[in-house]
Every structure is written in structure tokens, then in C-alpha cells.
Amino acid sequence: MHSQFTRAVPTRRAWLAGFLLIAAACARKDPFDFGTPKNRYKIHGQILSLRPENRIAVIKHEKIEGWMEAMTMEFPIPDAKVFASLKEGDWIRATVNVNDDYFWLTDVVVEK
């Protein structure tokens, strides 16, 4: 009986260690931390719609010099306060930050 208890203790420890490892692996960084930008571009466009659940602004933008032609696309806006200040129909100027994995907007200014 003593030997069964001895084997059970390492098993419990193994389960606990495994659980902690899985929990740590599942712990995500801030979903609005896109890292360090490699490039920055100026953007001018109109907000067509907003998705507050993931801070996405759908923007119909003019040509972004050095990066892309005019089109409509989704841009994350990490700053919750800035995102909350935006309205559909607003015309904005902002900075598009780009790295190998993501692009996102900062320095958002609503034109009056």
C-alpha cells in the first residue's frame, strides 16, 4: 500500500506541472500589443464601420505612399481610448505601423 502512495505522489506532481505548463502556454500576451514597427506610413481615409469587440476600424483609404494603393480594409487600433472616440463616417489621418506579422494604427486624428 505504501508503494502505491509513493507512485501517486509523482503522478500528482506531474499532473500539476503539466497543468501549469499548459496554463503558461495558453496565457496570451496583450492581444493589442503588435510589437515594434519596422515601417510607418501616413494614412488618410474614412471610417466605414467599427468593431469594438476587437478594436477594428474598417477604413476606405487613399493610396498609402510606399505601401499600397487606395482600398478598403480593416485596421486594428490598439488604444482603447482612441478607438472609443471614433465614429462611423469620421475622416481620419493616422500612422500605419507595420512589422513582419502585423499592421495597426496609431496617432489617429479625426478631421473636423
N, C-alpha and C. Protein backbone atom coordinates (compact mmCIF):
# COMPACT_ATOMS: atom_id res chain seq x y z
N MET A 1 0.83 -1.19 0.00
CA MET A 1 0.00 0.00 0.00
C MET A 1 0.87 1.25 0.00
N HIS A 2 1.92 1.19 0.75
CA HIS A 2 2.82 2.33 0.80
C HIS A 2 3.42 2.61 -0.59
N SER A 3 3.71 1.58 -1.36
CA SER A 3 4.32 1.77 -2.68
C SER A 3 3.35 2.44 -3.66
N GLN A 4 2.05 2.14 -3.54
CA GLN A 4 1.07 2.80 -4.41
C GLN A 4 1.02 4.30 -4.11
N PHE A 5 1.06 4.66 -2.83
CA PHE A 5 1.05 6.07 -2.45
C PHE A 5 2.29 6.78 -2.97
N THR A 6 3.42 6.12 -2.90
CA THR A 6 4.67 6.70 -3.36
C THR A 6 4.61 6.98 -4.86
N ARG A 7 4.04 6.07 -5.63
CA ARG A 7 3.91 6.29 -7.07
C ARG A 7 2.88 7.37 -7.37
N ALA A 8 1.87 7.52 -6.54
CA ALA A 8 0.82 8.50 -6.78
C ALA A 8 1.31 9.93 -6.61
N VAL A 9 2.23 10.14 -5.68
CA VAL A 9 2.74 11.49 -5.43
C VAL A 9 3.42 12.05 -6.68
N PRO A 10 4.37 11.33 -7.30
CA PRO A 10 4.96 11.87 -8.53
C PRO A 10 3.93 12.08 -9.63
N THR A 11 2.92 11.24 -9.69
CA THR A 11 1.88 11.40 -10.70
C THR A 11 1.12 12.70 -10.47
N ARG A 12 0.80 12.99 -9.23
CA ARG A 12 0.11 14.25 -8.93
C ARG A 12 1.00 15.44 -9.27
N ARG A 13 2.26 15.32 -8.94
CA ARG A 13 3.20 16.39 -9.26
C ARG A 13 3.33 16.56 -10.77
N ALA A 14 3.36 15.45 -11.48
CA ALA A 14 3.46 15.51 -12.95
C ALA A 14 2.21 16.18 -13.53
N TRP A 15 1.05 15.82 -13.01
CA TRP A 15 -0.19 16.46 -13.47
C TRP A 15 -0.16 17.97 -13.20
N LEU A 16 0.25 18.33 -12.00
CA LEU A 16 0.31 19.74 -11.63
C LEU A 16 1.31 20.48 -12.52
N ALA A 17 2.48 19.89 -12.72
CA ALA A 17 3.48 20.52 -13.59
C ALA A 17 2.95 20.65 -15.01
N GLY A 18 2.29 19.62 -15.50
CA GLY A 18 1.70 19.68 -16.85
C GLY A 18 0.64 20.75 -16.95
N PHE A 19 -0.22 20.83 -15.95
CA PHE A 19 -1.27 21.85 -15.94
C PHE A 19 -0.68 23.25 -15.95
N LEU A 20 0.34 23.46 -15.11
CA LEU A 20 0.97 24.78 -15.05
C LEU A 20 1.65 25.12 -16.38
N LEU A 21 2.26 24.13 -17.01
CA LEU A 21 2.90 24.35 -18.31
C LEU A 21 1.86 24.73 -19.36
N ILE A 22 0.76 24.02 -19.39
CA ILE A 22 -0.31 24.33 -20.34
C ILE A 22 -0.90 25.70 -20.06
N ALA A 23 -1.13 26.02 -18.79
CA ALA A 23 -1.68 27.33 -18.43
C ALA A 23 -0.75 28.45 -18.87
N ALA A 24 0.54 28.25 -18.67
CA ALA A 24 1.52 29.27 -19.08
C ALA A 24 1.53 29.42 -20.60
N ALA A 25 1.44 28.30 -21.31
CA ALA A 25 1.45 28.36 -22.78
C ALA A 25 0.19 29.03 -23.31
N CYS A 26 -0.91 28.85 -22.61
CA CYS A 26 -2.17 29.45 -23.06
C CYS A 26 -2.29 30.92 -22.69
N ALA A 27 -1.51 31.37 -21.72
CA ALA A 27 -1.57 32.77 -21.31
C ALA A 27 -1.03 33.61 -22.46
N ARG A 28 -1.91 34.39 -23.07
CA ARG A 28 -1.51 35.19 -24.21
C ARG A 28 -1.02 36.55 -23.76
N LYS A 29 -0.15 37.10 -24.56
CA LYS A 29 0.25 38.47 -24.31
C LYS A 29 -0.95 39.37 -24.60
N ASP A 30 -0.82 40.62 -24.32
CA ASP A 30 -1.87 41.58 -24.62
C ASP A 30 -2.24 41.46 -26.09
N PRO A 31 -3.51 41.16 -26.40
CA PRO A 31 -3.90 40.98 -27.81
C PRO A 31 -3.74 42.25 -28.64
N PHE A 32 -3.53 43.39 -27.99
CA PHE A 32 -3.36 44.64 -28.73
C PHE A 32 -1.91 45.11 -28.73
N ASP A 33 -1.00 44.22 -28.36
CA ASP A 33 0.43 44.52 -28.45
C ASP A 33 0.95 43.86 -29.71
N PHE A 34 1.20 44.66 -30.73
CA PHE A 34 1.61 44.13 -32.03
C PHE A 34 3.12 44.17 -32.22
N GLY A 35 3.84 44.53 -31.19
CA GLY A 35 5.29 44.54 -31.27
C GLY A 35 5.83 45.88 -31.72
N THR A 36 7.03 45.84 -32.27
CA THR A 36 7.72 47.04 -32.71
C THR A 36 7.56 47.21 -34.22
N PRO A 37 7.15 48.38 -34.67
CA PRO A 37 7.01 48.57 -36.12
C PRO A 37 8.38 48.65 -36.81
N LYS A 38 8.43 48.08 -38.01
CA LYS A 38 9.63 48.20 -38.85
C LYS A 38 9.49 49.39 -39.78
N ASN A 39 8.24 49.67 -40.17
CA ASN A 39 7.96 50.80 -41.06
C ASN A 39 6.72 51.52 -40.58
N ARG A 40 6.63 52.79 -40.98
CA ARG A 40 5.46 53.61 -40.64
C ARG A 40 5.07 54.38 -41.90
N TYR A 41 3.75 54.48 -42.10
CA TYR A 41 3.22 55.19 -43.26
C TYR A 41 2.07 56.08 -42.83
N LYS A 42 1.86 57.15 -43.54
CA LYS A 42 0.73 58.05 -43.27
C LYS A 42 -0.49 57.55 -44.03
N ILE A 43 -1.65 57.62 -43.37
CA ILE A 43 -2.90 57.19 -43.98
C ILE A 43 -3.94 58.29 -43.84
N HIS A 44 -4.81 58.40 -44.84
CA HIS A 44 -5.94 59.31 -44.81
C HIS A 44 -7.13 58.55 -45.37
N GLY A 45 -8.22 58.54 -44.60
CA GLY A 45 -9.38 57.80 -45.08
C GLY A 45 -10.61 58.02 -44.22
N GLN A 46 -11.68 57.33 -44.62
CA GLN A 46 -12.96 57.45 -43.93
C GLN A 46 -13.31 56.13 -43.26
N ILE A 47 -13.77 56.23 -42.01
CA ILE A 47 -14.18 55.04 -41.27
C ILE A 47 -15.57 54.63 -41.74
N LEU A 48 -15.67 53.42 -42.29
CA LEU A 48 -16.95 52.91 -42.77
C LEU A 48 -17.70 52.15 -41.68
N SER A 49 -16.95 51.42 -40.84
CA SER A 49 -17.59 50.71 -39.73
C SER A 49 -16.56 50.46 -38.64
N LEU A 50 -17.07 50.17 -37.45
CA LEU A 50 -16.24 49.92 -36.27
C LEU A 50 -16.66 48.61 -35.63
N ARG A 51 -15.68 47.84 -35.18
CA ARG A 51 -15.94 46.58 -34.48
C ARG A 51 -15.30 46.66 -33.09
N PRO A 52 -16.06 47.11 -32.11
CA PRO A 52 -15.50 47.33 -30.77
C PRO A 52 -14.95 46.07 -30.09
N GLU A 53 -15.50 44.90 -30.40
CA GLU A 53 -15.06 43.68 -29.72
C GLU A 53 -13.58 43.37 -29.98
N ASN A 54 -13.03 43.86 -31.08
CA ASN A 54 -11.60 43.64 -31.35
C ASN A 54 -10.89 44.90 -31.83
N ARG A 55 -11.52 46.06 -31.58
CA ARG A 55 -10.95 47.37 -31.92
C ARG A 55 -10.48 47.45 -33.37
N ILE A 56 -11.37 47.05 -34.26
CA ILE A 56 -11.09 47.10 -35.69
C ILE A 56 -11.90 48.23 -36.31
N ALA A 57 -11.23 49.05 -37.12
CA ALA A 57 -11.90 50.09 -37.91
C ALA A 57 -11.78 49.69 -39.37
N VAL A 58 -12.90 49.63 -40.06
CA VAL A 58 -12.89 49.39 -41.49
C VAL A 58 -12.79 50.76 -42.15
N ILE A 59 -11.71 50.95 -42.89
CA ILE A 59 -11.39 52.27 -43.43
C ILE A 59 -11.23 52.22 -44.94
N LYS A 60 -11.91 53.13 -45.61
CA LYS A 60 -11.71 53.33 -47.05
C LYS A 60 -10.64 54.41 -47.16
N HIS A 61 -9.43 53.99 -47.57
CA HIS A 61 -8.31 54.92 -47.52
C HIS A 61 -7.77 55.26 -48.90
N GLU A 62 -7.11 56.40 -48.95
CA GLU A 62 -6.42 56.82 -50.15
C GLU A 62 -5.15 56.00 -50.29
N LYS A 63 -4.43 56.19 -51.38
CA LYS A 63 -3.16 55.49 -51.58
C LYS A 63 -2.23 55.79 -50.40
N ILE A 64 -1.58 54.75 -49.90
CA ILE A 64 -0.61 54.90 -48.83
C ILE A 64 0.76 54.85 -49.49
N GLU A 65 1.36 56.02 -49.62
CA GLU A 65 2.64 56.13 -50.34
C GLU A 65 3.67 55.17 -49.77
N GLY A 66 4.27 54.41 -50.66
CA GLY A 66 5.31 53.48 -50.28
C GLY A 66 4.82 52.14 -49.78
N TRP A 67 3.47 51.95 -49.72
CA TRP A 67 2.98 50.70 -49.17
C TRP A 67 1.88 50.06 -49.99
N MET A 68 0.79 50.78 -50.30
CA MET A 68 -0.31 50.16 -51.06
C MET A 68 -1.20 51.19 -51.73
N GLU A 69 -1.95 50.69 -52.68
CA GLU A 69 -2.91 51.52 -53.40
C GLU A 69 -4.14 51.80 -52.53
N ALA A 70 -4.99 52.70 -53.01
CA ALA A 70 -6.23 53.01 -52.30
C ALA A 70 -7.14 51.78 -52.27
N MET A 71 -7.76 51.53 -51.14
CA MET A 71 -8.69 50.42 -51.00
C MET A 71 -9.42 50.53 -49.67
N THR A 72 -10.28 49.57 -49.40
CA THR A 72 -10.98 49.48 -48.12
C THR A 72 -10.45 48.26 -47.39
N MET A 73 -10.04 48.47 -46.14
CA MET A 73 -9.52 47.34 -45.35
C MET A 73 -9.70 47.58 -43.86
N GLU A 74 -9.45 46.53 -43.09
CA GLU A 74 -9.59 46.57 -41.64
C GLU A 74 -8.26 46.92 -40.99
N PHE A 75 -8.32 47.85 -40.03
CA PHE A 75 -7.13 48.25 -39.29
C PHE A 75 -7.40 48.13 -37.80
N PRO A 76 -6.56 47.41 -37.06
CA PRO A 76 -6.67 47.42 -35.61
C PRO A 76 -6.20 48.77 -35.06
N ILE A 77 -6.86 49.21 -34.00
CA ILE A 77 -6.47 50.42 -33.29
C ILE A 77 -6.29 50.02 -31.83
N PRO A 78 -5.05 49.78 -31.39
CA PRO A 78 -4.81 49.23 -30.05
C PRO A 78 -5.26 50.11 -28.89
N ASP A 79 -5.20 51.41 -29.04
CA ASP A 79 -5.52 52.32 -27.94
C ASP A 79 -7.03 52.37 -27.73
N ALA A 80 -7.50 51.83 -26.60
CA ALA A 80 -8.93 51.75 -26.31
C ALA A 80 -9.59 53.13 -26.26
N LYS A 81 -8.91 54.10 -25.68
CA LYS A 81 -9.47 55.45 -25.56
C LYS A 81 -9.62 56.09 -26.95
N VAL A 82 -8.62 55.94 -27.78
CA VAL A 82 -8.69 56.48 -29.15
C VAL A 82 -9.80 55.78 -29.91
N PHE A 83 -9.85 54.45 -29.83
CA PHE A 83 -10.89 53.71 -30.55
C PHE A 83 -12.28 54.17 -30.13
N ALA A 84 -12.49 54.35 -28.82
CA ALA A 84 -13.81 54.76 -28.31
C ALA A 84 -14.23 56.14 -28.79
N SER A 85 -13.26 56.97 -29.18
CA SER A 85 -13.59 58.33 -29.63
C SER A 85 -14.01 58.39 -31.10
N LEU A 86 -13.87 57.29 -31.82
CA LEU A 86 -14.16 57.28 -33.26
C LEU A 86 -15.61 56.96 -33.55
N LYS A 87 -16.08 57.48 -34.70
CA LYS A 87 -17.46 57.23 -35.14
C LYS A 87 -17.43 56.86 -36.61
N GLU A 88 -18.39 56.05 -37.00
CA GLU A 88 -18.54 55.73 -38.42
C GLU A 88 -18.77 57.02 -39.18
N GLY A 89 -18.12 57.16 -40.32
CA GLY A 89 -18.24 58.36 -41.13
C GLY A 89 -17.12 59.36 -40.90
N ASP A 90 -16.39 59.22 -39.77
CA ASP A 90 -15.26 60.12 -39.50
C ASP A 90 -14.20 59.99 -40.58
N TRP A 91 -13.61 61.11 -40.95
CA TRP A 91 -12.41 61.13 -41.78
C TRP A 91 -11.23 61.26 -40.84
N ILE A 92 -10.23 60.42 -41.04
CA ILE A 92 -9.08 60.43 -40.14
C ILE A 92 -7.76 60.53 -40.90
N ARG A 93 -6.76 60.97 -40.16
CA ARG A 93 -5.36 60.87 -40.56
C ARG A 93 -4.70 60.07 -39.44
N ALA A 94 -3.78 59.18 -39.81
CA ALA A 94 -3.14 58.34 -38.79
C ALA A 94 -1.82 57.82 -39.33
N THR A 95 -1.14 57.07 -38.49
CA THR A 95 0.08 56.38 -38.86
C THR A 95 -0.21 54.89 -38.90
N VAL A 96 0.16 54.25 -40.02
CA VAL A 96 0.08 52.79 -40.11
C VAL A 96 1.45 52.25 -39.71
N ASN A 97 1.47 51.43 -38.68
CA ASN A 97 2.69 50.78 -38.20
C ASN A 97 2.70 49.38 -38.78
N VAL A 98 3.85 48.96 -39.31
CA VAL A 98 3.94 47.66 -39.98
C VAL A 98 5.19 46.93 -39.50
N ASN A 99 5.02 45.63 -39.19
CA ASN A 99 6.19 44.77 -38.96
C ASN A 99 5.97 43.48 -39.75
N ASP A 100 6.75 42.47 -39.50
CA ASP A 100 6.65 41.23 -40.29
C ASP A 100 5.33 40.49 -40.09
N ASP A 101 4.65 40.73 -38.96
CA ASP A 101 3.44 39.98 -38.64
C ASP A 101 2.15 40.79 -38.62
N TYR A 102 2.23 42.08 -38.34
CA TYR A 102 1.02 42.87 -38.11
C TYR A 102 1.11 44.25 -38.75
N PHE A 103 -0.07 44.89 -38.84
CA PHE A 103 -0.14 46.32 -39.13
C PHE A 103 -1.25 46.88 -38.24
N TRP A 104 -1.09 48.13 -37.79
CA TRP A 104 -2.06 48.74 -36.88
C TRP A 104 -1.91 50.26 -36.95
N LEU A 105 -2.93 50.95 -36.44
CA LEU A 105 -2.95 52.42 -36.49
C LEU A 105 -2.60 53.03 -35.14
N THR A 106 -1.83 54.12 -35.22
CA THR A 106 -1.56 54.97 -34.06
C THR A 106 -1.66 56.41 -34.53
N ASP A 107 -1.55 57.35 -33.61
CA ASP A 107 -1.57 58.78 -33.92
C ASP A 107 -2.81 59.16 -34.72
N VAL A 108 -3.95 58.59 -34.35
CA VAL A 108 -5.19 58.82 -35.08
C VAL A 108 -5.75 60.20 -34.74
N VAL A 109 -6.03 60.98 -35.77
CA VAL A 109 -6.61 62.30 -35.61
C VAL A 109 -7.85 62.39 -36.49
N VAL A 110 -8.97 62.75 -35.88
CA VAL A 110 -10.22 62.93 -36.62
C VAL A 110 -10.22 64.33 -37.21
N GLU A 111 -10.49 64.40 -38.52
CA GLU A 111 -10.56 65.72 -39.18
C GLU A 111 -11.91 66.36 -38.85
N LYS A 112 -11.86 67.62 -38.58
CA LYS A 112 -13.10 68.36 -38.24
C LYS A 112 -13.67 69.02 -39.47
